[in-house]
Amino acid sequence: MPDRVLIFYGSYRSDRQGIRLAEWLVRAFAERGASAELIDARAVDLPMLDRMYKEHPSGEAPPALEALAEKIRTADAFVFVAGEYNWGVQPGLKNLTDHFLEEWYWRPAAIVSYSAGRFAGARAGLAWHGILSEMGMVVVSSTIAVGGIGHAFDASGEPAGDNGAALTRAFPRFADDLGWWAQAARAQRERRDPPY
């Protein structure tokens, strides 16, 4: 059974640089046999958080929220493509994740950070580690950080230059780590129900 991997991206900016990274990750996971899907926060366009999915009466959540909840519940693993804004997390991605809670439980997550600068979004990646853990995910130890995002991909969306080459070198171990945890968690969920 192929792993069902959701790849979350959260920039709302008009000149989004990280979208090429997110789209490449979808292709790279698919080439490894995973069923990968991009969840673009701007395309989903959830409102600023007022009421979480679980706070809506059964069957009354907005359709976009209901559809995304089902995708999250049935995924095996998550990848968060995390841009860094002023040493912190992207508000669009944070808003999307905060609409859910129990839907995230008992699955592994991995973080791919990026920025225009040389720190490659590492500070945002560090912040996301705690956020995702608090939301019930197991965050794998492998991470990817892409600096100089504006030059890390060519016009066709393929990795380019030194930062693109570093991405392609790091991806196999990153994907293997996430895949191992996805399969382990899926097998455990099939054996017994989670404790809560």
N, C-alpha and C. Protein backbone atom coordinates (compact mmCIF):
# COMPACT_ATOMS: atom_id res chain seq x y z
N MET A 1 0.85 -1.18 0.00
CA MET A 1 0.00 0.00 0.00
C MET A 1 0.89 1.24 0.00
N PRO A 2 0.68 2.16 -0.93
CA PRO A 2 1.52 3.38 -0.93
C PRO A 2 1.18 4.29 0.24
N ASP A 3 2.19 4.97 0.73
CA ASP A 3 1.96 5.94 1.79
C ASP A 3 1.17 7.12 1.23
N ARG A 4 0.18 7.57 1.98
CA ARG A 4 -0.59 8.76 1.62
C ARG A 4 0.04 9.94 2.36
N VAL A 5 0.72 10.80 1.60
CA VAL A 5 1.47 11.91 2.18
C VAL A 5 0.83 13.23 1.77
N LEU A 6 0.48 14.05 2.75
CA LEU A 6 -0.03 15.39 2.48
C LEU A 6 1.11 16.38 2.68
N ILE A 7 1.30 17.25 1.72
CA ILE A 7 2.36 18.24 1.76
C ILE A 7 1.70 19.61 1.89
N PHE A 8 1.91 20.25 3.03
CA PHE A 8 1.25 21.51 3.36
C PHE A 8 2.16 22.70 3.06
N TYR A 9 1.58 23.69 2.41
CA TYR A 9 2.31 24.91 2.06
C TYR A 9 1.45 26.11 2.43
N GLY A 10 2.07 27.16 3.01
CA GLY A 10 1.25 28.19 3.61
C GLY A 10 1.44 29.63 3.18
N SER A 11 2.23 29.92 2.16
CA SER A 11 2.42 31.32 1.78
C SER A 11 1.21 31.85 1.00
N TYR A 12 0.81 33.06 1.33
CA TYR A 12 -0.25 33.76 0.60
C TYR A 12 0.32 34.87 -0.29
N ARG A 13 1.61 35.03 -0.32
CA ARG A 13 2.23 36.14 -1.05
C ARG A 13 2.03 35.99 -2.56
N SER A 14 2.01 37.12 -3.26
CA SER A 14 1.79 37.07 -4.71
C SER A 14 2.99 36.48 -5.44
N ASP A 15 4.19 36.70 -4.95
CA ASP A 15 5.40 36.15 -5.58
C ASP A 15 5.97 35.02 -4.74
N ARG A 16 5.19 33.98 -4.59
CA ARG A 16 5.57 32.87 -3.73
C ARG A 16 6.75 32.10 -4.31
N GLN A 17 7.83 32.01 -3.55
CA GLN A 17 9.01 31.28 -3.99
C GLN A 17 8.97 29.81 -3.54
N GLY A 18 8.41 29.56 -2.38
CA GLY A 18 8.41 28.22 -1.83
C GLY A 18 7.46 27.26 -2.52
N ILE A 19 6.54 27.76 -3.33
CA ILE A 19 5.59 26.86 -3.99
C ILE A 19 6.32 25.89 -4.92
N ARG A 20 7.43 26.34 -5.50
CA ARG A 20 8.19 25.42 -6.36
C ARG A 20 8.79 24.28 -5.55
N LEU A 21 9.21 24.57 -4.33
CA LEU A 21 9.71 23.53 -3.43
C LEU A 21 8.59 22.56 -3.08
N ALA A 22 7.43 23.08 -2.72
CA ALA A 22 6.30 22.21 -2.36
C ALA A 22 5.88 21.33 -3.54
N GLU A 23 5.81 21.90 -4.72
CA GLU A 23 5.43 21.12 -5.90
C GLU A 23 6.48 20.07 -6.23
N TRP A 24 7.76 20.42 -6.06
CA TRP A 24 8.82 19.44 -6.31
C TRP A 24 8.71 18.28 -5.32
N LEU A 25 8.42 18.58 -4.06
CA LEU A 25 8.27 17.52 -3.06
C LEU A 25 7.14 16.56 -3.43
N VAL A 26 6.04 17.08 -3.94
CA VAL A 26 4.94 16.21 -4.38
C VAL A 26 5.45 15.25 -5.46
N ARG A 27 6.16 15.79 -6.43
CA ARG A 27 6.70 14.93 -7.51
C ARG A 27 7.72 13.94 -6.98
N ALA A 28 8.60 14.39 -6.09
CA ALA A 28 9.65 13.52 -5.57
C ALA A 28 9.07 12.36 -4.76
N PHE A 29 8.06 12.63 -3.95
CA PHE A 29 7.42 11.55 -3.20
C PHE A 29 6.68 10.61 -4.14
N ALA A 30 6.02 11.14 -5.15
CA ALA A 30 5.30 10.31 -6.12
C ALA A 30 6.26 9.39 -6.87
N GLU A 31 7.44 9.90 -7.21
CA GLU A 31 8.43 9.08 -7.90
C GLU A 31 8.90 7.92 -7.03
N ARG A 32 8.78 8.06 -5.72
CA ARG A 32 9.15 6.98 -4.79
C ARG A 32 7.97 6.04 -4.53
N GLY A 33 6.84 6.28 -5.18
CA GLY A 33 5.69 5.40 -5.04
C GLY A 33 4.64 5.84 -4.04
N ALA A 34 4.85 7.00 -3.41
CA ALA A 34 3.86 7.51 -2.46
C ALA A 34 2.70 8.16 -3.21
N SER A 35 1.57 8.22 -2.56
CA SER A 35 0.44 8.99 -3.05
C SER A 35 0.53 10.35 -2.36
N ALA A 36 1.08 11.33 -3.07
CA ALA A 36 1.37 12.63 -2.47
C ALA A 36 0.43 13.69 -3.01
N GLU A 37 -0.01 14.58 -2.12
CA GLU A 37 -0.94 15.64 -2.52
C GLU A 37 -0.53 16.95 -1.86
N LEU A 38 -0.54 18.01 -2.63
CA LEU A 38 -0.26 19.34 -2.12
C LEU A 38 -1.52 19.95 -1.52
N ILE A 39 -1.40 20.44 -0.30
CA ILE A 39 -2.47 21.20 0.35
C ILE A 39 -1.94 22.63 0.47
N ASP A 40 -2.43 23.49 -0.39
CA ASP A 40 -1.99 24.88 -0.46
C ASP A 40 -2.96 25.73 0.36
N ALA A 41 -2.48 26.30 1.45
CA ALA A 41 -3.35 27.07 2.34
C ALA A 41 -4.07 28.19 1.60
N ARG A 42 -3.40 28.84 0.66
CA ARG A 42 -4.03 29.93 -0.09
C ARG A 42 -5.18 29.40 -0.95
N ALA A 43 -5.01 28.23 -1.56
CA ALA A 43 -6.07 27.64 -2.38
C ALA A 43 -7.24 27.16 -1.52
N VAL A 44 -6.94 26.57 -0.36
CA VAL A 44 -8.00 26.11 0.54
C VAL A 44 -8.76 27.31 1.09
N ASP A 45 -8.02 28.38 1.44
CA ASP A 45 -8.59 29.68 1.83
C ASP A 45 -9.54 29.59 3.02
N LEU A 46 -9.07 28.98 4.09
CA LEU A 46 -9.87 28.96 5.31
C LEU A 46 -9.88 30.36 5.93
N PRO A 47 -10.95 30.73 6.61
CA PRO A 47 -10.95 32.03 7.28
C PRO A 47 -10.00 32.02 8.47
N MET A 48 -9.70 33.19 9.00
CA MET A 48 -8.94 33.23 10.25
C MET A 48 -9.70 32.41 11.28
N LEU A 49 -8.97 31.69 12.07
CA LEU A 49 -9.58 30.74 13.00
C LEU A 49 -10.55 31.43 13.95
N ASP A 50 -11.79 30.98 13.89
CA ASP A 50 -12.82 31.36 14.84
C ASP A 50 -13.31 30.10 15.54
N ARG A 51 -13.62 29.09 14.73
CA ARG A 51 -14.15 27.84 15.27
C ARG A 51 -13.40 26.69 14.62
N MET A 52 -12.80 25.83 15.45
CA MET A 52 -12.10 24.66 14.94
C MET A 52 -13.10 23.70 14.30
N TYR A 53 -12.57 22.80 13.47
CA TYR A 53 -13.41 21.80 12.82
C TYR A 53 -14.27 21.05 13.84
N LYS A 54 -13.67 20.63 14.95
CA LYS A 54 -14.38 19.84 15.94
C LYS A 54 -15.46 20.63 16.67
N GLU A 55 -15.42 21.96 16.57
CA GLU A 55 -16.40 22.79 17.26
C GLU A 55 -17.67 23.03 16.44
N HIS A 56 -17.67 22.58 15.21
CA HIS A 56 -18.88 22.65 14.38
C HIS A 56 -19.77 21.46 14.70
N PRO A 57 -21.07 21.65 14.75
CA PRO A 57 -21.95 20.48 14.90
C PRO A 57 -21.71 19.49 13.76
N SER A 58 -21.86 18.23 14.05
CA SER A 58 -21.62 17.18 13.06
C SER A 58 -22.39 17.48 11.77
N GLY A 59 -21.67 17.45 10.66
CA GLY A 59 -22.29 17.68 9.35
C GLY A 59 -22.48 19.14 8.99
N GLU A 60 -22.08 20.07 9.86
CA GLU A 60 -22.32 21.49 9.60
C GLU A 60 -21.05 22.29 9.36
N ALA A 61 -19.90 21.64 9.30
CA ALA A 61 -18.66 22.37 9.01
C ALA A 61 -18.69 22.84 7.56
N PRO A 62 -18.06 23.97 7.27
CA PRO A 62 -17.97 24.41 5.87
C PRO A 62 -17.36 23.31 5.00
N PRO A 63 -17.78 23.20 3.75
CA PRO A 63 -17.32 22.10 2.89
C PRO A 63 -15.80 21.99 2.78
N ALA A 64 -15.09 23.12 2.66
CA ALA A 64 -13.63 23.06 2.55
C ALA A 64 -13.01 22.47 3.81
N LEU A 65 -13.56 22.81 4.95
CA LEU A 65 -13.06 22.30 6.22
C LEU A 65 -13.34 20.80 6.34
N GLU A 66 -14.53 20.39 5.97
CA GLU A 66 -14.91 18.98 6.02
C GLU A 66 -14.02 18.14 5.10
N ALA A 67 -13.79 18.62 3.88
CA ALA A 67 -12.97 17.88 2.92
C ALA A 67 -11.53 17.75 3.42
N LEU A 68 -11.00 18.82 3.96
CA LEU A 68 -9.62 18.77 4.45
C LEU A 68 -9.50 17.88 5.68
N ALA A 69 -10.48 17.92 6.56
CA ALA A 69 -10.46 17.04 7.73
C ALA A 69 -10.39 15.58 7.31
N GLU A 70 -11.14 15.21 6.29
CA GLU A 70 -11.13 13.82 5.81
C GLU A 70 -9.76 13.45 5.23
N LYS A 71 -9.15 14.37 4.49
CA LYS A 71 -7.83 14.10 3.93
C LYS A 71 -6.80 13.92 5.04
N ILE A 72 -6.87 14.75 6.05
CA ILE A 72 -5.91 14.65 7.16
C ILE A 72 -6.11 13.34 7.91
N ARG A 73 -7.37 12.99 8.20
CA ARG A 73 -7.67 11.76 8.94
C ARG A 73 -7.18 10.51 8.21
N THR A 74 -7.19 10.53 6.88
CA THR A 74 -6.85 9.32 6.12
C THR A 74 -5.41 9.33 5.60
N ALA A 75 -4.63 10.35 5.93
CA ALA A 75 -3.23 10.40 5.51
C ALA A 75 -2.37 9.53 6.41
N ASP A 76 -1.24 9.10 5.86
CA ASP A 76 -0.26 8.34 6.64
C ASP A 76 0.82 9.24 7.22
N ALA A 77 1.09 10.36 6.55
CA ALA A 77 2.18 11.23 6.97
C ALA A 77 1.96 12.63 6.42
N PHE A 78 2.64 13.58 7.05
CA PHE A 78 2.53 14.98 6.66
C PHE A 78 3.91 15.59 6.47
N VAL A 79 4.01 16.48 5.49
CA VAL A 79 5.21 17.28 5.30
C VAL A 79 4.77 18.74 5.35
N PHE A 80 5.44 19.52 6.18
CA PHE A 80 5.14 20.94 6.31
C PHE A 80 6.27 21.73 5.67
N VAL A 81 5.94 22.44 4.60
CA VAL A 81 6.90 23.27 3.88
C VAL A 81 6.81 24.66 4.51
N ALA A 82 7.80 24.97 5.32
CA ALA A 82 7.70 26.07 6.26
C ALA A 82 8.64 27.22 5.89
N GLY A 83 8.06 28.26 5.35
CA GLY A 83 8.83 29.48 5.12
C GLY A 83 9.02 30.22 6.43
N GLU A 84 10.06 31.03 6.49
CA GLU A 84 10.36 31.79 7.70
C GLU A 84 9.99 33.25 7.50
N TYR A 85 9.15 33.77 8.38
CA TYR A 85 8.76 35.17 8.37
C TYR A 85 9.24 35.81 9.66
N ASN A 86 10.21 36.70 9.58
CA ASN A 86 10.68 37.43 10.75
C ASN A 86 11.02 36.51 11.93
N TRP A 87 11.80 35.50 11.66
CA TRP A 87 12.24 34.51 12.64
C TRP A 87 11.11 33.59 13.10
N GLY A 88 9.98 33.61 12.44
CA GLY A 88 8.85 32.82 12.91
C GLY A 88 8.16 32.07 11.78
N VAL A 89 6.97 31.57 12.08
CA VAL A 89 6.22 30.72 11.17
C VAL A 89 5.31 31.56 10.27
N GLN A 90 4.97 30.99 9.13
CA GLN A 90 4.03 31.65 8.22
C GLN A 90 2.64 31.65 8.83
N PRO A 91 1.98 32.80 8.84
CA PRO A 91 0.64 32.84 9.43
C PRO A 91 -0.38 32.01 8.66
N GLY A 92 -0.26 31.93 7.34
CA GLY A 92 -1.23 31.15 6.57
C GLY A 92 -1.19 29.67 6.89
N LEU A 93 0.02 29.13 7.03
CA LEU A 93 0.16 27.72 7.36
C LEU A 93 -0.28 27.45 8.80
N LYS A 94 0.07 28.35 9.69
CA LYS A 94 -0.33 28.18 11.09
C LYS A 94 -1.84 28.23 11.23
N ASN A 95 -2.48 29.16 10.53
CA ASN A 95 -3.93 29.26 10.58
C ASN A 95 -4.58 27.97 10.07
N LEU A 96 -4.08 27.42 8.98
CA LEU A 96 -4.65 26.19 8.44
C LEU A 96 -4.53 25.06 9.46
N THR A 97 -3.35 24.89 10.04
CA THR A 97 -3.17 23.77 10.97
C THR A 97 -4.03 23.92 12.21
N ASP A 98 -4.22 25.15 12.68
CA ASP A 98 -4.97 25.36 13.92
C ASP A 98 -6.46 25.05 13.81
N HIS A 99 -6.97 24.89 12.61
CA HIS A 99 -8.38 24.52 12.45
C HIS A 99 -8.65 23.07 12.87
N PHE A 100 -7.59 22.30 13.09
CA PHE A 100 -7.73 20.88 13.39
C PHE A 100 -6.92 20.54 14.63
N LEU A 101 -7.24 19.42 15.24
CA LEU A 101 -6.44 18.93 16.35
C LEU A 101 -6.40 17.40 16.34
N GLU A 102 -7.44 16.75 16.77
CA GLU A 102 -7.42 15.28 16.84
C GLU A 102 -7.17 14.64 15.48
N GLU A 103 -7.51 15.33 14.41
CA GLU A 103 -7.30 14.78 13.07
C GLU A 103 -5.81 14.52 12.79
N TRP A 104 -4.92 15.25 13.45
CA TRP A 104 -3.48 15.10 13.24
C TRP A 104 -2.89 13.92 14.02
N TYR A 105 -3.56 13.46 15.04
CA TYR A 105 -2.97 12.53 15.99
C TYR A 105 -2.44 11.25 15.33
N TRP A 106 -1.38 10.72 15.96
CA TRP A 106 -0.85 9.38 15.69
C TRP A 106 -0.28 9.21 14.28
N ARG A 107 0.22 10.29 13.71
CA ARG A 107 0.89 10.20 12.40
C ARG A 107 2.19 10.99 12.46
N PRO A 108 3.17 10.58 11.65
CA PRO A 108 4.43 11.32 11.62
C PRO A 108 4.35 12.55 10.73
N ALA A 109 5.17 13.52 11.08
CA ALA A 109 5.28 14.75 10.30
C ALA A 109 6.76 15.04 10.08
N ALA A 110 7.05 15.71 8.99
CA ALA A 110 8.41 16.13 8.68
C ALA A 110 8.38 17.59 8.25
N ILE A 111 9.49 18.26 8.45
CA ILE A 111 9.56 19.70 8.19
C ILE A 111 10.61 19.98 7.12
N VAL A 112 10.20 20.75 6.12
CA VAL A 112 11.11 21.28 5.10
C VAL A 112 11.02 22.79 5.22
N SER A 113 12.09 23.42 5.66
CA SER A 113 12.07 24.88 5.83
C SER A 113 12.79 25.54 4.66
N TYR A 114 12.47 26.81 4.47
CA TYR A 114 13.14 27.57 3.41
C TYR A 114 13.09 29.05 3.73
N SER A 115 13.99 29.79 3.12
CA SER A 115 13.97 31.24 3.19
C SER A 115 14.84 31.79 2.08
N ALA A 116 14.77 33.08 1.90
CA ALA A 116 15.63 33.73 0.90
C ALA A 116 17.07 33.81 1.39
N GLY A 117 17.26 33.78 2.68
CA GLY A 117 18.59 33.96 3.26
C GLY A 117 19.33 32.67 3.49
N ARG A 118 20.50 32.81 4.08
CA ARG A 118 21.38 31.67 4.25
C ARG A 118 20.99 30.75 5.41
N PHE A 119 20.11 31.20 6.32
CA PHE A 119 19.69 30.33 7.42
C PHE A 119 18.62 29.34 6.99
N ALA A 120 18.10 29.47 5.78
CA ALA A 120 17.24 28.46 5.15
C ALA A 120 15.97 28.16 5.95
N GLY A 121 15.47 29.13 6.67
CA GLY A 121 14.24 28.92 7.42
C GLY A 121 14.39 28.06 8.65
N ALA A 122 15.62 27.86 9.11
CA ALA A 122 15.87 26.96 10.25
C ALA A 122 15.13 27.39 11.51
N ARG A 123 14.98 28.69 11.72
CA ARG A 123 14.28 29.15 12.93
C ARG A 123 12.80 28.81 12.86
N ALA A 124 12.21 28.92 11.67
CA ALA A 124 10.81 28.51 11.52
C ALA A 124 10.68 27.00 11.70
N GLY A 125 11.63 26.26 11.15
CA GLY A 125 11.60 24.81 11.31
C GLY A 125 11.64 24.40 12.77
N LEU A 126 12.46 25.07 13.53
CA LEU A 126 12.55 24.79 14.96
C LEU A 126 11.22 25.09 15.66
N ALA A 127 10.60 26.20 15.31
CA ALA A 127 9.30 26.56 15.91
C ALA A 127 8.23 25.53 15.53
N TRP A 128 8.23 25.10 14.28
CA TRP A 128 7.23 24.12 13.84
C TRP A 128 7.39 22.78 14.57
N HIS A 129 8.59 22.42 14.93
CA HIS A 129 8.80 21.15 15.62
C HIS A 129 7.94 21.08 16.89
N GLY A 130 8.00 22.12 17.70
CA GLY A 130 7.20 22.15 18.92
C GLY A 130 5.71 22.23 18.65
N ILE A 131 5.32 23.01 17.65
CA ILE A 131 3.90 23.16 17.31
C ILE A 131 3.31 21.81 16.90
N LEU A 132 3.98 21.13 15.99
CA LEU A 132 3.46 19.86 15.48
C LEU A 132 3.43 18.79 16.56
N SER A 133 4.44 18.77 17.41
CA SER A 133 4.45 17.82 18.53
C SER A 133 3.27 18.07 19.45
N GLU A 134 3.00 19.32 19.76
CA GLU A 134 1.87 19.67 20.62
C GLU A 134 0.54 19.25 20.00
N MET A 135 0.48 19.23 18.66
CA MET A 135 -0.75 18.87 17.96
C MET A 135 -0.88 17.36 17.77
N GLY A 136 -0.01 16.57 18.40
CA GLY A 136 -0.19 15.12 18.41
C GLY A 136 0.55 14.36 17.33
N MET A 137 1.43 15.02 16.60
CA MET A 137 2.22 14.34 15.58
C MET A 137 3.58 13.95 16.13
N VAL A 138 4.16 12.92 15.56
CA VAL A 138 5.52 12.55 15.86
C VAL A 138 6.38 13.19 14.78
N VAL A 139 7.25 14.11 15.16
CA VAL A 139 8.08 14.82 14.19
C VAL A 139 9.37 14.04 14.00
N VAL A 140 9.62 13.61 12.77
CA VAL A 140 10.81 12.82 12.50
C VAL A 140 12.06 13.69 12.61
N SER A 141 13.18 13.05 12.87
CA SER A 141 14.42 13.80 13.09
C SER A 141 15.01 14.36 11.80
N SER A 142 14.74 13.74 10.67
CA SER A 142 15.27 14.26 9.41
C SER A 142 14.53 15.52 9.00
N THR A 143 15.30 16.53 8.64
CA THR A 143 14.72 17.77 8.13
C THR A 143 15.48 18.18 6.87
N ILE A 144 14.86 19.06 6.12
CA ILE A 144 15.53 19.68 4.98
C ILE A 144 15.38 21.18 5.14
N ALA A 145 16.45 21.90 4.86
CA ALA A 145 16.43 23.36 4.91
C ALA A 145 17.02 23.90 3.61
N VAL A 146 16.25 24.73 2.92
CA VAL A 146 16.66 25.25 1.62
C VAL A 146 16.84 26.75 1.72
N GLY A 147 18.07 27.20 1.61
CA GLY A 147 18.36 28.62 1.60
C GLY A 147 18.36 29.16 0.18
N GLY A 148 18.33 30.47 0.06
CA GLY A 148 18.33 31.09 -1.26
C GLY A 148 17.24 30.56 -2.15
N ILE A 149 16.03 30.46 -1.62
CA ILE A 149 14.93 29.78 -2.31
C ILE A 149 14.66 30.36 -3.71
N GLY A 150 14.92 31.63 -3.90
CA GLY A 150 14.69 32.24 -5.20
C GLY A 150 15.59 31.72 -6.30
N HIS A 151 16.68 31.06 -5.92
CA HIS A 151 17.64 30.54 -6.91
C HIS A 151 17.80 29.03 -6.82
N ALA A 152 17.01 28.37 -5.99
CA ALA A 152 17.17 26.93 -5.77
C ALA A 152 16.45 26.07 -6.80
N PHE A 153 15.67 26.71 -7.68
CA PHE A 153 14.93 25.99 -8.72
C PHE A 153 15.05 26.74 -10.04
N ASP A 154 15.07 25.98 -11.13
CA ASP A 154 15.11 26.62 -12.43
C ASP A 154 13.69 26.96 -12.90
N ALA A 155 13.57 27.49 -14.09
CA ALA A 155 12.27 27.94 -14.61
C ALA A 155 11.27 26.80 -14.76
N SER A 156 11.76 25.57 -14.91
CA SER A 156 10.85 24.43 -15.04
C SER A 156 10.50 23.79 -13.71
N GLY A 157 11.01 24.36 -12.59
CA GLY A 157 10.68 23.85 -11.27
C GLY A 157 11.59 22.74 -10.77
N GLU A 158 12.72 22.56 -11.45
CA GLU A 158 13.67 21.54 -11.02
C GLU A 158 14.77 22.17 -10.16
N PRO A 159 15.28 21.42 -9.17
CA PRO A 159 16.34 21.96 -8.33
C PRO A 159 17.53 22.45 -9.17
N ALA A 160 18.10 23.58 -8.75
CA ALA A 160 19.20 24.19 -9.49
C ALA A 160 20.23 24.75 -8.52
N GLY A 161 21.44 24.88 -8.98
CA GLY A 161 22.50 25.49 -8.19
C GLY A 161 22.87 24.64 -6.99
N ASP A 162 23.70 25.21 -6.12
CA ASP A 162 24.18 24.49 -4.94
C ASP A 162 23.06 24.12 -3.99
N ASN A 163 22.10 25.04 -3.79
CA ASN A 163 21.01 24.75 -2.85
C ASN A 163 20.07 23.68 -3.41
N GLY A 164 19.84 23.70 -4.70
CA GLY A 164 19.04 22.64 -5.32
C GLY A 164 19.72 21.30 -5.25
N ALA A 165 21.04 21.30 -5.45
CA ALA A 165 21.80 20.04 -5.35
C ALA A 165 21.77 19.50 -3.93
N ALA A 166 21.87 20.38 -2.95
CA ALA A 166 21.80 19.94 -1.55
C ALA A 166 20.43 19.33 -1.25
N LEU A 167 19.37 19.92 -1.81
CA LEU A 167 18.02 19.37 -1.63
C LEU A 167 17.93 17.96 -2.19
N THR A 168 18.40 17.76 -3.40
CA THR A 168 18.28 16.43 -3.99
C THR A 168 19.14 15.39 -3.27
N ARG A 169 20.25 15.81 -2.68
CA ARG A 169 21.07 14.88 -1.89
C ARG A 169 20.38 14.52 -0.58
N ALA A 170 19.72 15.49 0.04
CA ALA A 170 19.11 15.26 1.36
C ALA A 170 17.78 14.51 1.26
N PHE A 171 17.10 14.61 0.14
CA PHE A 171 15.73 14.08 0.06
C PHE A 171 15.62 12.57 0.30
N PRO A 172 16.46 11.71 -0.27
CA PRO A 172 16.26 10.27 -0.06
C PRO A 172 16.24 9.86 1.41
N ARG A 173 17.19 10.33 2.21
CA ARG A 173 17.18 9.97 3.63
C ARG A 173 15.95 10.54 4.33
N PHE A 174 15.61 11.78 4.02
CA PHE A 174 14.42 12.43 4.58
C PHE A 174 13.17 11.59 4.28
N ALA A 175 13.00 11.20 3.02
CA ALA A 175 11.83 10.41 2.62
C ALA A 175 11.84 9.03 3.24
N ASP A 176 13.02 8.42 3.34
CA ASP A 176 13.12 7.10 3.98
C ASP A 176 12.69 7.17 5.45
N ASP A 177 13.14 8.21 6.14
CA ASP A 177 12.80 8.40 7.55
C ASP A 177 11.29 8.56 7.71
N LEU A 178 10.71 9.45 6.95
CA LEU A 178 9.27 9.67 7.04
C LEU A 178 8.49 8.41 6.65
N GLY A 179 8.95 7.73 5.59
CA GLY A 179 8.27 6.51 5.16
C GLY A 179 8.31 5.41 6.20
N TRP A 180 9.43 5.26 6.89
CA TRP A 180 9.54 4.24 7.94
C TRP A 180 8.52 4.51 9.04
N TRP A 181 8.45 5.76 9.49
CA TRP A 181 7.51 6.12 10.55
C TRP A 181 6.07 6.01 10.08
N ALA A 182 5.81 6.37 8.84
CA ALA A 182 4.44 6.26 8.31
C ALA A 182 3.98 4.81 8.31
N GLN A 183 4.85 3.91 7.86
CA GLN A 183 4.50 2.49 7.83
C GLN A 183 4.35 1.93 9.24
N ALA A 184 5.23 2.34 10.14
CA ALA A 184 5.15 1.86 11.52
C ALA A 184 3.85 2.33 12.19
N ALA A 185 3.51 3.59 12.00
CA ALA A 185 2.29 4.12 12.61
C ALA A 185 1.04 3.48 12.00
N ARG A 186 1.05 3.27 10.68
CA ARG A 186 -0.10 2.64 10.03
C ARG A 186 -0.27 1.21 10.55
N ALA A 187 0.82 0.48 10.67
CA ALA A 187 0.74 -0.90 11.17
C ALA A 187 0.21 -0.92 12.60
N GLN A 188 0.64 0.00 13.43
CA GLN A 188 0.17 0.05 14.81
C GLN A 188 -1.31 0.41 14.88
N ARG A 189 -1.75 1.37 14.03
CA ARG A 189 -3.18 1.73 14.03
C ARG A 189 -4.04 0.55 13.57
N GLU A 190 -3.50 -0.30 12.70
CA GLU A 190 -4.24 -1.48 12.25
C GLU A 190 -4.31 -2.54 13.35
N ARG A 191 -3.30 -2.59 14.21
CA ARG A 191 -3.26 -3.58 15.30
C ARG A 191 -4.18 -3.21 16.45
N ARG A 192 -4.21 -1.91 16.79
CA ARG A 192 -5.03 -1.50 17.93
C ARG A 192 -5.40 -0.04 17.80
N ASP A 193 -6.50 0.31 18.42
CA ASP A 193 -6.93 1.70 18.41
C ASP A 193 -5.98 2.55 19.24
N PRO A 194 -5.79 3.81 18.84
CA PRO A 194 -4.98 4.70 19.67
C PRO A 194 -5.59 4.81 21.07
N PRO A 195 -4.78 5.15 22.07
CA PRO A 195 -5.27 5.16 23.45
C PRO A 195 -6.28 6.27 23.74
N TYR A 196 -6.35 7.29 22.90
CA TYR A 196 -7.36 8.34 23.07
C TYR A 196 -7.55 9.07 21.78
